[in-house]
Amino acid sequence: MDYQQTLDYMFNQFPVYQHVGKSAYKGDLSNTLALDRHFGHPHRAFRTIHVAGTNGKGSTSHTLASVLRSAGYRTGLYTSPHLKDFRERIRVDGEMIPETEVVAFVEAHADVFSQVRPSFFEMTVAMAFDYFRRCGVDVAVVEVGLGGRLDSTNIISPDLSVITNIGFDHTMFLGDTLSAIAGEKAGIIKPGTPVVVGERHPETQPVFEAAARRAGAPIDFAEDVLRIDRATLTPGGMQRFDISGVVTLRDLDYSLLGIYQRRNILTVLASLARLRTLGYTISDADIRTGLADVQGRTGLMGRWQQIGSRPTVIADTGHNEHGIRQVAQQLTAWPCARLHIVWAMVSDKNPELILPLLPPDATFYFAQASIRRAMPVAELTERAARLGISGRSFDTVAQALAAARAAASPDDLIFVGGSTFTVAEVL
């Protein structure tokens, strides 16, 4: 098989959550453990950092990997989902796994896959850990796919567990209260392993503290150990911070834009401070280098990413209530003549909770992403109308963006969002 044939096989042979939803979700680790035994427990050959959370875990994982690479560590990075190319999920020192490696892995182990019948995610985790071992990585940053306790990545014994925040998402699997969701995310806390929590919340804090206490795990809440003294935008398109606390850094440039990154940077810096206590050699200069070009060093895309100018076009993968509140805050503050929103969602998200969060004076262009889980554009437009939000309907995201560009003036802002797949189609 060539690479494209291999991808076709993978997407057709293994249930893919991003495409088919809950039918691809397996509520235990039996398949993952079976694959781990088959491959000889590859994750034991390198150190790991485990990152969970409702939002921000991708940005946090990429930023940690960028800094670790700056510090001289051969660094693996496992994230999901991908935007354009499957290989985005598995990187070593910022480079995607080669196409030949993907083909060889699938062909060599087809027999065990036919016996175990893993999901797409379970197979991909096995591929990542096997590849990291063969590449001789020193440390891998591993992002949780969904939840934590029963996620396929949760077979690792990390040096550090990181939980960015808790919001309502995937409630059919994780529970319909913040404390229940926090309980699932807290499943990555391991005995004696330090944990950093990015945000303090009255419903989730006791859950994390109790889990850490049971595990004998030291716990840091980022906002308790660090604070932002100053945050500005530089002429070069960076966020610049003065940070004080367990780490003190002045004029620290961060290449990721978006107001919500101000939470993530505290989570990252608190995590790096804890890693220093565990024997990691990470200088202030390494932190500066790593934060200044996260996208270039790790390939991160889709986080308040500018993809056009005159008019400005911004794409962001935020897709749940917690994430959209932060996106809406940024949209409200952005200086522009008019705001245009290109929007498409997946069918298991609730427009009634999310759409009212967006600026009401925007012009909306509703569309349908080209995946099976996409919410039909007729349904999305109708449900928006019931909320008093009117907009034009388009069969594809590309058509909606083209219409927004045609209607916008050079001083306008076009925002593209609603799901990861919406953003993937415009990058």
Protein backbone atom coordinates (compact mmCIF):
# COMPACT_ATOMS: atom_id res chain seq x y z
CA MET A 1 0.00 0.00 0.00
CA ASP A 2 1.06 3.59 -0.52
CA TYR A 3 0.39 6.30 2.08
CA GLN A 4 -3.04 7.30 0.78
CA GLN A 5 -4.14 3.67 0.53
CA THR A 6 -2.92 3.14 4.10
CA LEU A 7 -4.94 6.12 5.33
CA ASP A 8 -8.02 4.83 3.52
CA TYR A 9 -7.53 1.46 5.19
CA MET A 10 -7.08 3.04 8.64
CA PHE A 11 -10.14 5.28 8.38
CA ASN A 12 -12.31 2.46 7.03
CA GLN A 13 -11.00 -0.39 9.18
CA PHE A 14 -10.85 1.31 12.57
CA PRO A 15 -13.76 3.25 14.16
CA VAL A 16 -12.85 6.97 14.20
CA TYR A 17 -14.53 9.03 16.94
CA GLN A 18 -14.14 12.31 15.05
CA HIS A 19 -16.10 10.83 12.16
CA VAL A 20 -18.70 8.52 13.71
CA GLY A 21 -18.99 9.73 17.31
CA LYS A 22 -19.71 7.57 20.32
CA SER A 23 -19.80 4.25 18.44
CA ALA A 24 -15.98 4.54 18.23
CA TYR A 25 -15.58 5.04 21.98
CA LYS A 26 -14.54 2.05 24.08
CA GLY A 27 -15.07 2.41 27.81
CA ASP A 28 -12.06 0.43 29.01
CA LEU A 29 -8.35 -0.01 28.32
CA SER A 30 -8.38 -3.68 27.30
CA ASN A 31 -7.51 -3.06 23.65
CA THR A 32 -4.79 -0.57 24.55
CA LEU A 33 -3.26 -2.94 27.07
CA ALA A 34 -3.33 -5.79 24.55
CA LEU A 35 -1.52 -3.66 21.97
CA ASP A 36 0.93 -2.45 24.61
CA ARG A 37 1.85 -6.06 25.45
CA HIS A 38 2.24 -6.90 21.76
CA PHE A 39 4.67 -4.02 21.20
CA GLY A 40 6.67 -4.71 24.37
CA HIS A 41 5.53 -1.71 26.44
CA PRO A 42 7.30 0.95 24.36
CA HIS A 43 6.21 3.85 26.58
CA ARG A 44 8.52 2.55 29.31
CA ALA A 45 11.54 3.46 27.17
CA PHE A 46 11.16 7.24 27.55
CA ARG A 47 9.94 9.83 30.04
CA THR A 48 6.49 11.31 29.58
CA ILE A 49 4.37 14.32 30.49
CA HIS A 50 0.61 13.73 30.38
CA VAL A 51 -1.76 16.61 29.51
CA ALA A 52 -5.56 16.52 29.96
CA GLY A 53 -8.28 19.14 30.11
CA THR A 54 -11.38 20.38 28.35
CA ASN A 55 -9.67 23.21 26.48
CA GLY A 56 -6.09 24.37 26.08
CA LYS A 57 -4.46 20.96 26.24
CA GLY A 58 -3.28 21.17 22.62
CA SER A 59 -1.70 24.61 23.05
CA THR A 60 -0.19 23.54 26.37
CA SER A 61 1.21 20.30 24.93
CA HIS A 62 2.76 22.02 21.93
CA THR A 63 4.28 24.77 24.08
CA LEU A 64 5.78 22.31 26.55
CA ALA A 65 7.24 20.32 23.66
CA SER A 66 8.70 23.49 22.13
CA VAL A 67 10.46 24.42 25.37
CA LEU A 68 11.74 20.90 26.00
CA ARG A 69 13.18 20.82 22.50
CA SER A 70 14.82 24.20 23.16
CA ALA A 71 16.36 22.70 26.29
CA GLY A 72 18.07 20.02 24.21
CA TYR A 73 15.74 17.09 24.87
CA ARG A 74 14.81 14.86 21.94
CA THR A 75 11.08 15.39 22.27
CA GLY A 76 8.10 13.36 21.14
CA LEU A 77 4.69 14.99 20.84
CA TYR A 78 1.41 13.09 20.57
CA THR A 79 -1.77 15.13 20.01
CA SER A 80 -5.22 14.75 18.45
CA PRO A 81 -7.13 15.28 16.30
CA HIS A 82 -5.19 16.33 13.23
CA LEU A 83 -6.28 19.20 11.00
CA LYS A 84 -4.87 18.41 7.56
CA ASP A 85 -2.60 15.37 7.73
CA PHE A 86 -2.82 12.34 10.01
CA ARG A 87 0.92 12.63 10.67
CA GLU A 88 0.39 15.85 12.66
CA ARG A 89 -0.55 13.61 15.58
CA ILE A 90 2.92 12.09 15.96
CA ARG A 91 6.01 14.33 15.94
CA VAL A 92 9.63 14.08 17.04
CA ASP A 93 11.45 17.38 17.49
CA GLY A 94 8.66 19.05 15.55
CA GLU A 95 8.90 16.75 12.53
CA MET A 96 5.88 14.65 11.59
CA ILE A 97 6.24 10.88 11.42
CA PRO A 98 7.27 10.01 7.83
CA GLU A 99 4.66 8.55 5.48
CA THR A 100 6.84 5.45 5.06
CA GLU A 101 6.72 4.82 8.82
CA VAL A 102 2.92 4.95 8.86
CA VAL A 103 2.67 2.52 5.93
CA ALA A 104 5.24 0.12 7.38
CA PHE A 105 3.60 0.10 10.83
CA VAL A 106 0.12 -0.70 9.50
CA GLU A 107 1.37 -3.38 7.10
CA ALA A 108 3.63 -5.06 9.66
CA HIS A 109 0.97 -5.36 12.33
CA ALA A 110 -2.23 -5.95 10.35
CA ASP A 111 -2.64 -9.41 11.90
CA VAL A 112 -2.69 -8.16 15.48
CA PHE A 113 -5.09 -5.37 14.52
CA SER A 114 -7.49 -7.90 13.03
CA GLN A 115 -7.36 -9.86 16.30
CA VAL A 116 -7.62 -6.98 18.79
CA ARG A 117 -9.93 -4.83 16.61
CA PRO A 118 -8.82 -1.51 18.14
CA SER A 119 -10.37 1.87 17.50
CA PHE A 120 -8.51 4.34 15.30
CA PHE A 121 -7.33 6.19 18.41
CA GLU A 122 -6.11 3.03 20.16
CA MET A 123 -4.14 2.04 17.06
CA THR A 124 -2.67 5.53 16.74
CA VAL A 125 -1.49 5.61 20.36
CA ALA A 126 0.31 2.30 19.77
CA MET A 127 1.91 3.71 16.62
CA ALA A 128 3.08 6.84 18.45
CA PHE A 129 4.64 5.03 21.40
CA ASP A 130 6.37 2.50 19.12
CA TYR A 131 7.73 5.30 16.93
CA PHE A 132 8.95 7.34 19.89
CA ARG A 133 10.87 4.36 21.24
CA ARG A 134 12.48 3.62 17.89
CA CYS A 135 13.43 7.31 17.53
CA GLY A 136 15.09 7.28 20.95
CA VAL A 137 13.19 10.25 22.35
CA ASP A 138 14.20 11.48 25.79
CA VAL A 139 10.71 12.63 26.72
CA ALA A 140 7.28 12.68 25.08
CA VAL A 141 4.46 15.13 25.74
CA VAL A 142 1.27 13.07 25.47
CA GLU A 143 -2.10 14.76 25.09
CA VAL A 144 -5.19 12.93 26.31
CA GLY A 145 -7.74 12.28 23.58
CA LEU A 146 -10.99 12.22 25.56
CA GLY A 147 -11.44 12.37 29.33
CA GLY A 148 -8.50 10.82 31.11
CA ARG A 149 -9.29 7.80 33.27
CA LEU A 150 -10.24 5.54 30.36
CA ASP A 151 -8.26 7.28 27.64
CA SER A 152 -5.86 5.07 25.69
CA THR A 153 -2.94 7.31 26.64
CA ASN A 154 -3.51 6.57 30.33
CA ILE A 155 -1.22 3.55 30.41
CA ILE A 156 1.83 5.78 30.84
CA SER A 157 3.59 6.54 34.12
CA PRO A 158 4.46 10.19 33.57
CA ASP A 159 6.89 12.44 35.38
CA LEU A 160 4.16 15.09 35.51
CA SER A 161 0.39 15.19 35.01
CA VAL A 162 -1.16 18.43 33.74
CA ILE A 163 -4.89 19.28 33.73
CA THR A 164 -5.58 22.57 31.98
CA ASN A 165 -9.22 23.25 32.91
CA ILE A 166 -12.68 21.72 33.12
CA GLY A 167 -15.73 22.63 31.06
CA PHE A 168 -18.76 20.89 29.60
CA ASP A 169 -17.80 18.69 26.67
CA HIS A 170 -18.33 15.01 25.78
CA THR A 171 -20.91 14.83 28.57
CA MET A 172 -22.33 11.56 27.18
CA PHE A 173 -19.09 9.89 28.27
CA LEU A 174 -17.71 12.02 31.09
CA GLY A 175 -20.80 13.11 33.04
CA ASP A 176 -23.07 16.13 33.07
CA THR A 177 -21.59 18.01 36.04
CA LEU A 178 -18.22 19.75 36.31
CA SER A 179 -17.31 17.59 39.29
CA ALA A 180 -18.06 14.38 37.37
CA ILE A 181 -16.01 15.56 34.38
CA ALA A 182 -13.19 16.56 36.72
CA GLY A 183 -13.29 13.07 38.21
CA GLU A 184 -12.67 11.55 34.78
CA LYS A 185 -9.84 14.01 34.01
CA ALA A 186 -8.34 13.36 37.46
CA GLY A 187 -7.92 9.75 36.38
CA ILE A 188 -4.52 10.69 34.95
CA ILE A 189 -3.18 11.51 38.43
CA LYS A 190 -0.73 8.74 39.35
CA PRO A 191 0.72 7.68 42.72
CA GLY A 192 3.44 10.07 43.84
CA THR A 193 3.42 11.93 40.52
CA PRO A 194 3.12 15.73 40.72
CA VAL A 195 0.10 17.32 39.06
CA VAL A 196 -0.39 20.89 37.82
CA VAL A 197 -3.95 22.20 37.43
CA GLY A 198 -4.38 25.23 35.20
CA GLU A 199 -7.58 26.72 36.60
CA ARG A 200 -9.13 26.76 40.03
CA HIS A 201 -12.93 26.28 40.20
CA PRO A 202 -15.08 25.72 43.31
CA GLU A 203 -16.72 22.60 41.84
CA THR A 204 -13.55 20.95 40.54
CA GLN A 205 -10.87 21.97 43.03
CA PRO A 206 -12.06 19.52 45.75
CA VAL A 207 -12.12 16.70 43.18
CA PHE A 208 -8.52 17.29 42.15
CA GLU A 209 -7.32 17.79 45.72
CA ALA A 210 -8.99 14.55 46.83
CA ALA A 211 -7.54 12.59 43.91
CA ALA A 212 -4.07 13.98 44.59
CA ARG A 213 -4.37 13.20 48.28
CA ARG A 214 -5.38 9.58 47.58
CA ALA A 215 -2.44 9.20 45.21
CA GLY A 216 0.06 10.97 47.45
CA ALA A 217 0.67 13.33 44.53
CA PRO A 218 1.92 16.91 45.06
CA ILE A 219 -0.55 19.33 43.46
CA ASP A 220 -0.04 22.89 42.19
CA PHE A 221 -2.77 25.21 40.97
CA ALA A 222 -1.05 27.45 38.44
CA GLU A 223 -2.74 30.64 39.61
CA ASP A 224 -1.47 29.99 43.17
CA VAL A 225 2.19 29.86 42.16
CA LEU A 226 2.31 32.37 39.28
CA ARG A 227 0.68 35.61 38.22
CA ILE A 228 0.69 37.86 35.16
CA ASP A 229 1.83 41.35 36.10
CA ARG A 230 1.56 42.73 32.56
CA ALA A 231 0.18 41.52 29.23
CA THR A 232 0.48 43.45 25.97
CA LEU A 233 0.69 42.87 22.21
CA THR A 234 3.96 43.64 20.46
CA PRO A 235 4.23 45.26 17.01
CA GLY A 236 5.67 41.96 15.80
CA GLY A 237 2.48 40.06 16.59
CA MET A 238 3.45 38.47 19.90
CA GLN A 239 1.87 38.49 23.33
CA ARG A 240 4.38 39.94 25.81
CA PHE A 241 4.17 39.13 29.50
CA ASP A 242 5.74 40.02 32.80
CA ILE A 243 5.41 36.91 34.99
CA SER A 244 6.24 36.54 38.67
CA GLY A 245 6.05 33.74 41.21
CA VAL A 246 7.89 30.41 41.13
CA VAL A 247 9.21 31.65 37.78
CA THR A 248 10.01 35.33 37.25
CA LEU A 249 10.32 36.48 33.65
CA ARG A 250 10.05 39.98 32.21
CA ASP A 251 9.30 40.84 28.58
CA LEU A 252 8.47 37.22 27.80
CA ASP A 253 7.18 36.84 24.23
CA TYR A 254 4.61 34.15 23.41
CA SER A 255 3.82 33.45 19.77
CA LEU A 256 0.32 32.08 20.44
CA LEU A 257 -2.32 34.79 20.26
CA GLY A 258 -5.77 34.70 21.83
CA ILE A 259 -6.81 35.97 25.22
CA TYR A 260 -7.29 32.39 26.42
CA GLN A 261 -3.55 31.75 26.01
CA ARG A 262 -3.03 33.88 29.11
CA ARG A 263 -4.40 30.97 31.11
CA ASN A 264 -2.35 28.45 29.20
CA ILE A 265 0.94 30.29 29.67
CA LEU A 266 0.56 30.08 33.46
CA THR A 267 -0.17 26.36 33.18
CA VAL A 268 2.92 25.88 31.00
CA LEU A 269 5.23 27.88 33.26
CA ALA A 270 3.95 26.18 36.43
CA SER A 271 4.58 22.82 34.72
CA LEU A 272 8.10 23.82 33.71
CA ALA A 273 8.84 24.99 37.25
CA ARG A 274 7.73 21.59 38.58
CA LEU A 275 9.82 19.76 35.94
CA ARG A 276 12.88 21.67 37.14
CA THR A 277 12.35 20.21 40.62
CA LEU A 278 12.28 16.75 39.03
CA GLY A 279 15.73 17.17 37.53
CA TYR A 280 14.91 18.56 34.10
CA THR A 281 17.49 21.11 32.94
CA ILE A 282 15.44 24.00 31.55
CA SER A 283 16.90 27.50 31.58
CA ASP A 284 15.07 30.81 31.33
CA ALA A 285 16.63 31.19 27.89
CA ASP A 286 15.14 27.82 26.87
CA ILE A 287 11.71 29.04 27.98
CA ARG A 288 12.06 32.25 25.98
CA THR A 289 13.16 30.41 22.85
CA GLY A 290 10.43 27.80 23.13
CA LEU A 291 7.59 30.26 23.72
CA ALA A 292 8.66 32.67 20.97
CA ASP A 293 7.92 30.27 18.09
CA VAL A 294 5.62 27.46 19.15
CA GLN A 295 4.06 27.15 15.70
CA GLY A 296 7.40 26.95 13.87
CA ARG A 297 8.92 24.48 16.31
CA THR A 298 5.93 22.14 16.67
CA GLY A 299 3.56 22.76 13.75
CA LEU A 300 0.64 23.92 15.88
CA MET A 301 -2.27 25.28 13.83
CA GLY A 302 -5.79 26.57 14.37
CA ARG A 303 -5.38 28.51 17.63
CA TRP A 304 -6.46 32.11 16.87
CA GLN A 305 -4.56 31.72 13.62
CA GLN A 306 -4.61 34.53 11.07
CA ILE A 307 -5.07 33.08 7.59
CA GLY A 308 -5.91 36.25 5.64
CA SER A 309 -5.63 40.00 5.65
CA ARG A 310 -7.68 42.90 4.27
CA PRO A 311 -10.06 41.65 5.48
CA THR A 312 -8.45 39.91 8.44
CA VAL A 313 -9.45 36.25 8.59
CA ILE A 314 -8.99 34.40 11.90
CA ALA A 315 -9.59 30.67 12.46
CA ASP A 316 -9.90 29.00 15.85
CA THR A 317 -10.76 25.43 16.78
CA GLY A 318 -12.73 26.28 19.95
CA HIS A 319 -15.93 24.25 19.84
CA ASN A 320 -17.53 23.89 23.28
CA GLU A 321 -19.20 26.34 25.66
CA HIS A 322 -16.08 26.87 27.76
CA GLY A 323 -13.90 27.53 24.72
CA ILE A 324 -16.40 29.71 22.86
CA ARG A 325 -16.84 32.02 25.85
CA GLN A 326 -13.15 32.87 25.55
CA VAL A 327 -13.32 33.20 21.76
CA ALA A 328 -16.32 35.51 22.08
CA GLN A 329 -14.43 37.69 24.54
CA GLN A 330 -11.65 38.10 22.00
CA LEU A 331 -14.09 38.80 19.14
CA THR A 332 -15.82 41.51 21.16
CA ALA A 333 -12.49 43.20 21.90
CA TRP A 334 -11.10 42.95 18.35
CA PRO A 335 -11.06 46.31 16.51
CA CYS A 336 -12.89 45.99 13.20
CA ALA A 337 -15.54 47.75 11.15
CA ARG A 338 -17.83 44.71 10.93
CA LEU A 339 -17.64 41.13 12.14
CA HIS A 340 -18.48 38.18 9.87
CA ILE A 341 -18.71 34.66 11.34
CA VAL A 342 -18.37 31.50 9.23
CA TRP A 343 -19.77 28.73 11.40
CA ALA A 344 -20.24 24.95 11.19
CA MET A 345 -20.70 22.43 14.01
CA VAL A 346 -20.77 18.72 14.67
CA SER A 347 -24.09 17.08 15.43
CA ASP A 348 -23.38 16.22 19.08
CA LYS A 349 -22.82 19.85 20.10
CA ASN A 350 -25.66 22.10 21.29
CA PRO A 351 -26.13 25.32 19.28
CA GLU A 352 -28.57 26.60 21.89
CA LEU A 353 -25.74 26.76 24.45
CA ILE A 354 -23.02 28.04 22.14
CA LEU A 355 -24.46 30.42 19.53
CA PRO A 356 -25.88 32.94 22.07
CA LEU A 357 -22.33 33.44 23.36
CA LEU A 358 -21.18 34.95 20.06
CA PRO A 359 -21.45 38.71 19.37
CA PRO A 360 -25.07 39.30 18.30
CA ASP A 361 -24.24 42.04 15.79
CA ALA A 362 -22.14 39.74 13.60
CA THR A 363 -23.17 38.63 10.12
CA PHE A 364 -23.44 34.83 10.08
CA TYR A 365 -22.60 32.37 7.30
CA PHE A 366 -23.69 28.86 8.28
CA ALA A 367 -22.13 25.82 6.61
CA GLN A 368 -21.72 22.07 6.84
CA ALA A 369 -18.31 20.46 7.34
CA SER A 370 -17.50 17.49 5.12
CA ILE A 371 -17.58 14.76 7.76
CA ARG A 372 -20.30 12.32 8.77
CA ARG A 373 -20.65 13.89 12.22
CA ALA A 374 -21.38 17.33 10.76
CA MET A 375 -24.63 19.01 11.74
CA PRO A 376 -26.72 19.50 8.57
CA VAL A 377 -26.60 23.16 7.62
CA ALA A 378 -30.40 23.33 7.32
CA GLU A 379 -30.72 22.15 10.92
CA LEU A 380 -28.03 24.53 12.16
CA THR A 381 -29.64 27.50 10.39
CA GLU A 382 -33.09 26.61 11.70
CA ARG A 383 -31.90 26.19 15.30
CA ALA A 384 -30.02 29.49 15.06
CA ALA A 385 -33.15 31.21 13.77
CA ARG A 386 -35.10 30.00 16.80
CA LEU A 387 -32.52 31.84 18.90
CA GLY A 388 -33.08 35.02 16.89
CA ILE A 389 -29.81 34.57 14.97
CA SER A 390 -30.25 34.80 11.22
CA GLY A 391 -27.67 33.93 8.62
CA ARG A 392 -27.13 32.62 5.12
CA SER A 393 -26.70 28.90 4.49
CA PHE A 394 -23.99 27.23 2.39
CA ASP A 395 -23.34 23.63 1.46
CA THR A 396 -19.63 23.84 2.27
CA VAL A 397 -17.33 25.82 4.53
CA ALA A 398 -15.35 26.99 1.50
CA GLN A 399 -18.49 28.50 -0.06
CA ALA A 400 -19.38 30.25 3.18
CA LEU A 401 -15.90 31.74 3.51
CA ALA A 402 -15.95 32.90 -0.11
CA ALA A 403 -19.26 34.65 0.50
CA ALA A 404 -17.93 36.32 3.64
CA ARG A 405 -14.85 37.53 1.79
CA ALA A 406 -17.02 38.94 -1.00
CA ALA A 407 -19.21 40.84 1.47
CA ALA A 408 -16.44 42.12 3.73
CA SER A 409 -14.57 45.39 3.49
CA PRO A 410 -10.78 45.56 4.07
CA ASP A 411 -11.29 46.75 7.67
CA ASP A 412 -13.67 43.92 8.59
CA LEU A 413 -12.92 40.73 10.53
CA ILE A 414 -13.96 37.28 9.33
CA PHE A 415 -13.93 34.59 12.01
CA VAL A 416 -14.05 30.89 11.04
CA GLY A 417 -14.98 28.40 13.75
CA GLY A 418 -17.44 26.03 15.39
CA SER A 419 -15.39 22.84 15.21
CA THR A 420 -11.93 21.50 14.47
CA PHE A 421 -13.23 20.29 11.12
CA THR A 422 -14.51 23.72 10.13
CA VAL A 423 -11.03 25.13 10.63
CA ALA A 424 -9.36 22.19 8.88
CA GLU A 425 -11.27 22.97 5.70
CA VAL A 426 -9.97 26.55 5.45
CA LEU A 427 -6.32 26.02 6.37
